[in-house]
Amino acid sequence: MNRYILIRRLRGPAFLLLVGVNALLAQSHILGWSRSWPFYLILAGVLALAERAALATDGGMMPPPYPGAPVPAAPPPTTESASIVPAHSHDFSDDSNGGQS
């Protein structure tokens, strides 16, 4: 099974488990419901990072949403330079030594 799908399927049970732990802590007067919202945000962020990491290791393509769905074609590889430095540099002078003096 794809790791991305596994993480997506564990999202609901993870939040349900967090609600259960939160209920136990509220019953014990350790942590109230109104102060537990950061834990839900942290869990959502960790799961989103795990999904993104799983997509990156599996090739970056999301699986189809249902069995038999058409799979989009991968974009063609680009041959353009993606570096910060341009491929062709133009000096201010026409010296043969690259503008060095």
N, C-alpha and C. Protein backbone atom coordinates (compact mmCIF):
# COMPACT_ATOMS: atom_id res chain seq x y z
N MET A 1 0.84 -1.18 0.00
CA MET A 1 0.00 0.00 0.00
C MET A 1 0.89 1.24 0.00
N ASN A 2 0.43 2.25 -0.66
CA ASN A 2 1.15 3.50 -0.75
C ASN A 2 1.18 4.17 0.63
N ARG A 3 2.34 4.75 0.99
CA ARG A 3 2.46 5.40 2.30
C ARG A 3 1.55 6.62 2.41
N TYR A 4 1.35 7.32 1.30
CA TYR A 4 0.46 8.48 1.31
C TYR A 4 -0.96 8.07 1.68
N ILE A 5 -1.44 6.98 1.08
CA ILE A 5 -2.79 6.50 1.37
C ILE A 5 -2.89 6.04 2.82
N LEU A 6 -1.85 5.39 3.32
CA LEU A 6 -1.85 4.94 4.71
C LEU A 6 -1.96 6.11 5.67
N ILE A 7 -1.22 7.18 5.42
CA ILE A 7 -1.28 8.36 6.30
C ILE A 7 -2.65 9.01 6.20
N ARG A 8 -3.23 9.08 5.00
CA ARG A 8 -4.57 9.66 4.84
C ARG A 8 -5.61 8.85 5.60
N ARG A 9 -5.45 7.54 5.62
CA ARG A 9 -6.41 6.69 6.32
C ARG A 9 -6.24 6.75 7.84
N LEU A 10 -5.07 7.13 8.30
CA LEU A 10 -4.84 7.23 9.75
C LEU A 10 -5.23 8.59 10.31
N ARG A 11 -5.62 9.54 9.47
CA ARG A 11 -5.97 10.88 9.94
C ARG A 11 -7.17 10.85 10.88
N GLY A 12 -8.24 10.20 10.50
CA GLY A 12 -9.45 10.13 11.34
C GLY A 12 -9.20 9.45 12.68
N PRO A 13 -8.60 8.25 12.68
CA PRO A 13 -8.32 7.61 13.96
C PRO A 13 -7.36 8.41 14.85
N ALA A 14 -6.43 9.15 14.25
CA ALA A 14 -5.51 9.95 15.05
C ALA A 14 -6.26 11.08 15.77
N PHE A 15 -7.17 11.75 15.06
CA PHE A 15 -7.96 12.80 15.70
C PHE A 15 -8.92 12.22 16.74
N LEU A 16 -9.48 11.05 16.47
CA LEU A 16 -10.36 10.41 17.45
C LEU A 16 -9.59 10.03 18.70
N LEU A 17 -8.38 9.55 18.55
CA LEU A 17 -7.54 9.23 19.69
C LEU A 17 -7.21 10.49 20.48
N LEU A 18 -6.94 11.59 19.80
CA LEU A 18 -6.66 12.84 20.49
C LEU A 18 -7.88 13.35 21.25
N VAL A 19 -9.06 13.17 20.69
CA VAL A 19 -10.28 13.57 21.40
C VAL A 19 -10.45 12.71 22.67
N GLY A 20 -10.14 11.43 22.57
CA GLY A 20 -10.25 10.55 23.74
C GLY A 20 -9.26 10.92 24.83
N VAL A 21 -8.02 11.22 24.44
CA VAL A 21 -7.01 11.64 25.43
C VAL A 21 -7.42 12.97 26.05
N ASN A 22 -7.95 13.86 25.21
CA ASN A 22 -8.40 15.15 25.71
C ASN A 22 -9.55 14.98 26.70
N ALA A 23 -10.46 14.05 26.43
CA ALA A 23 -11.58 13.80 27.34
C ALA A 23 -11.07 13.25 28.67
N LEU A 24 -10.10 12.37 28.63
CA LEU A 24 -9.53 11.83 29.88
C LEU A 24 -8.84 12.93 30.70
N LEU A 25 -8.10 13.80 30.03
CA LEU A 25 -7.43 14.89 30.73
C LEU A 25 -8.43 15.90 31.28
N ALA A 26 -9.52 16.13 30.56
CA ALA A 26 -10.55 17.05 31.05
C ALA A 26 -11.28 16.44 32.25
N GLN A 27 -11.51 15.15 32.22
CA GLN A 27 -12.17 14.47 33.34
C GLN A 27 -11.30 14.49 34.59
N SER A 28 -9.99 14.45 34.41
CA SER A 28 -9.06 14.47 35.54
C SER A 28 -8.72 15.89 35.98
N HIS A 29 -9.30 16.89 35.34
CA HIS A 29 -9.05 18.30 35.64
C HIS A 29 -7.57 18.67 35.44
N ILE A 30 -6.94 18.03 34.47
CA ILE A 30 -5.54 18.35 34.14
C ILE A 30 -5.50 19.38 33.02
N LEU A 31 -6.29 19.17 31.99
CA LEU A 31 -6.30 20.05 30.84
C LEU A 31 -7.74 20.19 30.36
N GLY A 32 -8.23 21.41 30.28
CA GLY A 32 -9.60 21.64 29.86
C GLY A 32 -9.75 21.64 28.35
N TRP A 33 -11.01 21.57 27.91
CA TRP A 33 -11.30 21.54 26.47
C TRP A 33 -10.89 22.85 25.80
N SER A 34 -11.00 23.96 26.51
CA SER A 34 -10.72 25.24 25.90
C SER A 34 -9.23 25.49 25.70
N ARG A 35 -8.39 24.73 26.36
CA ARG A 35 -6.94 24.92 26.23
C ARG A 35 -6.27 23.83 25.41
N SER A 36 -7.04 22.97 24.78
CA SER A 36 -6.43 21.86 24.04
C SER A 36 -6.41 22.08 22.54
N TRP A 37 -6.87 23.21 22.04
CA TRP A 37 -6.92 23.43 20.60
C TRP A 37 -5.55 23.43 19.93
N PRO A 38 -4.46 23.84 20.61
CA PRO A 38 -3.16 23.76 19.91
C PRO A 38 -2.76 22.33 19.55
N PHE A 39 -3.19 21.36 20.34
CA PHE A 39 -2.84 19.97 20.05
C PHE A 39 -3.47 19.51 18.73
N TYR A 40 -4.68 19.99 18.44
CA TYR A 40 -5.33 19.64 17.18
C TYR A 40 -4.60 20.27 16.00
N LEU A 41 -4.14 21.50 16.17
CA LEU A 41 -3.37 22.14 15.11
C LEU A 41 -2.03 21.44 14.89
N ILE A 42 -1.39 21.05 15.97
CA ILE A 42 -0.11 20.35 15.86
C ILE A 42 -0.29 19.01 15.16
N LEU A 43 -1.34 18.28 15.52
CA LEU A 43 -1.60 16.99 14.89
C LEU A 43 -1.88 17.16 13.40
N ALA A 44 -2.67 18.17 13.04
CA ALA A 44 -2.96 18.42 11.63
C ALA A 44 -1.69 18.77 10.87
N GLY A 45 -0.81 19.57 11.46
CA GLY A 45 0.44 19.93 10.81
C GLY A 45 1.38 18.75 10.65
N VAL A 46 1.49 17.92 11.66
CA VAL A 46 2.36 16.74 11.58
C VAL A 46 1.86 15.78 10.50
N LEU A 47 0.54 15.59 10.44
CA LEU A 47 -0.01 14.70 9.41
C LEU A 47 0.18 15.29 8.01
N ALA A 48 0.04 16.60 7.87
CA ALA A 48 0.25 17.23 6.57
C ALA A 48 1.71 17.09 6.13
N LEU A 49 2.65 17.27 7.06
CA LEU A 49 4.06 17.09 6.73
C LEU A 49 4.37 15.64 6.36
N ALA A 50 3.76 14.70 7.08
CA ALA A 50 3.98 13.29 6.77
C ALA A 50 3.43 12.94 5.39
N GLU A 51 2.26 13.49 5.04
CA GLU A 51 1.70 13.25 3.71
C GLU A 51 2.61 13.83 2.62
N ARG A 52 3.11 15.02 2.85
CA ARG A 52 3.98 15.66 1.85
C ARG A 52 5.29 14.88 1.71
N ALA A 53 5.83 14.38 2.81
CA ALA A 53 7.06 13.59 2.74
C ALA A 53 6.81 12.27 2.02
N ALA A 54 5.66 11.66 2.26
CA ALA A 54 5.33 10.41 1.58
C ALA A 54 5.17 10.64 0.08
N LEU A 55 4.55 11.76 -0.30
CA LEU A 55 4.42 12.07 -1.73
C LEU A 55 5.78 12.32 -2.37
N ALA A 56 6.67 12.98 -1.64
CA ALA A 56 7.98 13.30 -2.19
C ALA A 56 8.81 12.03 -2.40
N THR A 57 8.72 11.08 -1.50
CA THR A 57 9.51 9.85 -1.65
C THR A 57 8.90 8.91 -2.67
N ASP A 58 7.60 9.01 -2.92
CA ASP A 58 6.95 8.13 -3.87
C ASP A 58 6.91 8.69 -5.28
N GLY A 59 7.56 9.81 -5.52
CA GLY A 59 7.63 10.35 -6.86
C GLY A 59 6.83 11.62 -7.07
N GLY A 60 6.11 12.08 -6.09
CA GLY A 60 5.41 13.34 -6.18
C GLY A 60 4.05 13.29 -6.85
N MET A 61 3.60 12.14 -7.30
CA MET A 61 2.30 12.04 -7.93
C MET A 61 1.27 11.52 -6.93
N MET A 62 0.14 12.21 -6.85
CA MET A 62 -0.93 11.76 -5.97
C MET A 62 -1.64 10.57 -6.61
N PRO A 63 -2.07 9.59 -5.82
CA PRO A 63 -2.79 8.46 -6.39
C PRO A 63 -4.19 8.90 -6.83
N PRO A 64 -4.84 8.13 -7.70
CA PRO A 64 -6.19 8.51 -8.11
C PRO A 64 -7.15 8.46 -6.93
N PRO A 65 -8.21 9.30 -6.93
CA PRO A 65 -9.10 9.37 -5.78
C PRO A 65 -9.95 8.12 -5.57
N TYR A 66 -10.17 7.33 -6.63
CA TYR A 66 -10.95 6.11 -6.52
C TYR A 66 -10.40 5.11 -7.52
N PRO A 67 -10.63 3.82 -7.30
CA PRO A 67 -10.11 2.82 -8.23
C PRO A 67 -10.72 2.99 -9.61
N GLY A 68 -9.90 2.95 -10.62
CA GLY A 68 -10.36 3.08 -11.99
C GLY A 68 -10.36 4.51 -12.50
N ALA A 69 -9.99 5.47 -11.66
CA ALA A 69 -9.94 6.86 -12.08
C ALA A 69 -8.77 7.07 -13.02
N PRO A 70 -8.92 7.96 -14.01
CA PRO A 70 -7.79 8.19 -14.91
C PRO A 70 -6.64 8.86 -14.18
N VAL A 71 -5.46 8.38 -14.44
CA VAL A 71 -4.26 8.92 -13.80
C VAL A 71 -3.70 10.02 -14.70
N PRO A 72 -3.49 11.23 -14.17
CA PRO A 72 -2.95 12.30 -15.02
C PRO A 72 -1.52 11.99 -15.42
N ALA A 73 -1.17 12.42 -16.62
CA ALA A 73 0.18 12.19 -17.12
C ALA A 73 1.16 13.10 -16.41
N ALA A 74 2.35 12.61 -16.23
CA ALA A 74 3.39 13.41 -15.59
C ALA A 74 3.82 14.51 -16.54
N PRO A 75 4.13 15.69 -16.02
CA PRO A 75 4.58 16.76 -16.91
C PRO A 75 5.94 16.41 -17.51
N PRO A 76 6.19 16.86 -18.75
CA PRO A 76 7.48 16.54 -19.38
C PRO A 76 8.61 17.25 -18.65
N PRO A 77 9.78 16.63 -18.61
CA PRO A 77 10.91 17.27 -17.93
C PRO A 77 11.35 18.52 -18.69
N THR A 78 11.71 19.53 -17.95
CA THR A 78 12.15 20.77 -18.57
C THR A 78 13.66 20.77 -18.73
N THR A 79 14.12 21.40 -19.79
CA THR A 79 15.55 21.48 -20.03
C THR A 79 16.09 22.86 -19.72
N GLU A 80 15.24 23.75 -19.23
CA GLU A 80 15.66 25.10 -18.90
C GLU A 80 16.51 25.09 -17.63
N SER A 81 17.35 26.08 -17.54
CA SER A 81 18.18 26.21 -16.35
C SER A 81 17.37 26.82 -15.23
N ALA A 82 17.42 26.22 -14.07
CA ALA A 82 16.69 26.73 -12.92
C ALA A 82 17.62 27.36 -11.90
N SER A 83 18.83 27.64 -12.29
CA SER A 83 19.78 28.21 -11.35
C SER A 83 19.60 29.71 -11.24
N ILE A 84 20.18 30.29 -10.23
CA ILE A 84 20.10 31.72 -10.02
C ILE A 84 21.00 32.45 -11.00
N VAL A 85 22.14 31.87 -11.29
CA VAL A 85 23.09 32.48 -12.21
C VAL A 85 22.63 32.18 -13.63
N PRO A 86 22.54 33.19 -14.50
CA PRO A 86 22.09 32.93 -15.87
C PRO A 86 23.08 32.06 -16.63
N ALA A 87 22.59 31.36 -17.62
CA ALA A 87 23.43 30.46 -18.39
C ALA A 87 24.45 31.22 -19.24
N HIS A 88 24.05 32.35 -19.80
CA HIS A 88 24.94 33.17 -20.62
C HIS A 88 25.17 34.48 -19.90
N SER A 89 26.41 34.76 -19.56
CA SER A 89 26.70 36.03 -18.89
C SER A 89 27.27 37.01 -19.90
N HIS A 90 26.85 38.24 -19.80
CA HIS A 90 27.33 39.30 -20.68
C HIS A 90 28.10 40.29 -19.83
N ASP A 91 29.38 40.42 -20.15
CA ASP A 91 30.22 41.35 -19.41
C ASP A 91 30.06 42.75 -19.97
N PHE A 92 30.45 43.72 -19.20
CA PHE A 92 30.38 45.10 -19.64
C PHE A 92 31.48 45.42 -20.65
N SER A 93 32.53 44.69 -20.62
CA SER A 93 33.62 44.92 -21.56
C SER A 93 33.77 43.70 -22.47
N ASP A 94 34.44 43.90 -23.57
CA ASP A 94 34.64 42.81 -24.52
C ASP A 94 36.04 42.23 -24.43
N ASP A 95 36.60 42.24 -23.24
CA ASP A 95 37.96 41.70 -23.05
C ASP A 95 37.92 40.19 -23.21
N SER A 96 39.02 39.65 -23.66
CA SER A 96 39.09 38.20 -23.84
C SER A 96 39.29 37.47 -22.52
N ASN A 97 39.68 38.21 -21.47
CA ASN A 97 39.91 37.55 -20.19
C ASN A 97 38.68 37.66 -19.28
N GLY A 98 37.49 37.89 -19.84
CA GLY A 98 36.27 37.89 -19.05
C GLY A 98 36.04 39.15 -18.27
N GLY A 99 36.64 40.27 -18.66
CA GLY A 99 36.42 41.53 -17.98
C GLY A 99 37.33 41.74 -16.79
N GLN A 100 38.24 40.81 -16.58
CA GLN A 100 39.21 40.94 -15.48
C GLN A 100 40.32 41.90 -15.90
N SER A 101 40.82 42.70 -14.99
CA SER A 101 41.92 43.60 -15.35
C SER A 101 43.20 43.17 -14.70
